[in-house]
């Protein structure tokens, strides 16, 4: 399985979504940015997006 993003980039992109006021719910991120979701779950499998 190829992981498109590094862990630090995953964190940066999630923080940017949150600071921009975008939803960081698992469902929304999966729909809007599947690459980010795939990488986030690889690096942070126990991380719960609320």
C-alpha atoms as a PDB file:
ATOM      1  CA  UNK A   1       0.000   0.000   0.000  1.00  0.00           C
ATOM      2  CA  UNK A   2       1.429   3.331  -1.034  1.00  0.00           C
ATOM      3  CA  UNK A   3       1.108   6.142   1.497  1.00  0.00           C
ATOM      4  CA  UNK A   4       0.962   9.453  -0.376  1.00  0.00           C
ATOM      5  CA  UNK A   5       1.678  11.781   2.566  1.00  0.00           C
ATOM      6  CA  UNK A   6       4.224  11.843   5.374  1.00  0.00           C
ATOM      7  CA  UNK A   7       3.013  12.038   8.988  1.00  0.00           C
ATOM      8  CA  UNK A   8       3.996  15.707   9.407  1.00  0.00           C
ATOM      9  CA  UNK A   9       2.112  16.644   6.238  1.00  0.00           C
ATOM     10  CA  UNK A  10      -0.966  14.770   7.471  1.00  0.00           C
ATOM     11  CA  UNK A  11      -0.905  16.788  10.702  1.00  0.00           C
ATOM     12  CA  UNK A  12      -0.372  20.070   8.841  1.00  0.00           C
ATOM     13  CA  UNK A  13      -3.265  19.447   6.482  1.00  0.00           C
ATOM     14  CA  UNK A  14      -5.622  18.456   9.299  1.00  0.00           C
ATOM     15  CA  UNK A  15      -4.639  21.529  11.320  1.00  0.00           C
ATOM     16  CA  UNK A  16      -5.226  23.710   8.254  1.00  0.00           C
ATOM     17  CA  UNK A  17      -8.684  22.208   7.674  1.00  0.00           C
ATOM     18  CA  UNK A  18      -9.564  22.869  11.289  1.00  0.00           C
ATOM     19  CA  UNK A  19      -8.213  26.446  11.290  1.00  0.00           C
ATOM     20  CA  UNK A  20     -10.115  27.153   8.061  1.00  0.00           C
ATOM     21  CA  UNK A  21     -13.314  26.081   9.812  1.00  0.00           C
ATOM     22  CA  UNK A  22     -13.736  22.919   7.731  1.00  0.00           C
ATOM     23  CA  UNK A  23     -15.105  19.751   9.264  1.00  0.00           C
ATOM     24  CA  UNK A  24     -12.501  17.208  10.275  1.00  0.00           C
ATOM     25  CA  UNK A  25     -15.012  14.430  10.801  1.00  0.00           C
ATOM     26  CA  UNK A  26     -13.902  11.128   9.344  1.00  0.00           C
ATOM     27  CA  UNK A  27     -16.798  11.069   6.890  1.00  0.00           C
ATOM     28  CA  UNK A  28     -16.177  14.605   5.605  1.00  0.00           C
ATOM     29  CA  UNK A  29     -12.410  14.187   5.228  1.00  0.00           C
ATOM     30  CA  UNK A  30     -12.893  10.852   3.457  1.00  0.00           C
ATOM     31  CA  UNK A  31     -15.230  12.517   0.951  1.00  0.00           C
ATOM     32  CA  UNK A  32     -13.243  15.713   0.448  1.00  0.00           C
ATOM     33  CA  UNK A  33      -9.675  14.362   0.619  1.00  0.00           C
ATOM     34  CA  UNK A  34      -9.376  10.557   0.400  1.00  0.00           C
ATOM     35  CA  UNK A  35      -5.572  10.809   0.084  1.00  0.00           C
ATOM     36  CA  UNK A  36      -5.401  12.615   3.425  1.00  0.00           C
ATOM     37  CA  UNK A  37      -7.738  10.076   5.055  1.00  0.00           C
ATOM     38  CA  UNK A  38      -5.738   7.096   3.779  1.00  0.00           C
ATOM     39  CA  UNK A  39      -2.488   8.570   5.073  1.00  0.00           C
ATOM     40  CA  UNK A  40      -3.994   9.673   8.398  1.00  0.00           C
ATOM     41  CA  UNK A  41      -5.327   6.199   9.120  1.00  0.00           C
ATOM     42  CA  UNK A  42      -1.959   4.655   8.248  1.00  0.00           C
ATOM     43  CA  UNK A  43       0.038   6.857  10.617  1.00  0.00           C
ATOM     44  CA  UNK A  44      -2.621   7.324  13.293  1.00  0.00           C
ATOM     45  CA  UNK A  45      -4.871   4.233  13.232  1.00  0.00           C
ATOM     46  CA  UNK A  46      -6.310   4.900  16.673  1.00  0.00           C
ATOM     47  CA  UNK A  47      -6.912   8.586  16.020  1.00  0.00           C
ATOM     48  CA  UNK A  48     -10.591   9.434  16.240  1.00  0.00           C
ATOM     49  CA  UNK A  49     -11.780  12.326  14.080  1.00  0.00           C
ATOM     50  CA  UNK A  50     -14.643  14.227  15.659  1.00  0.00           C
END
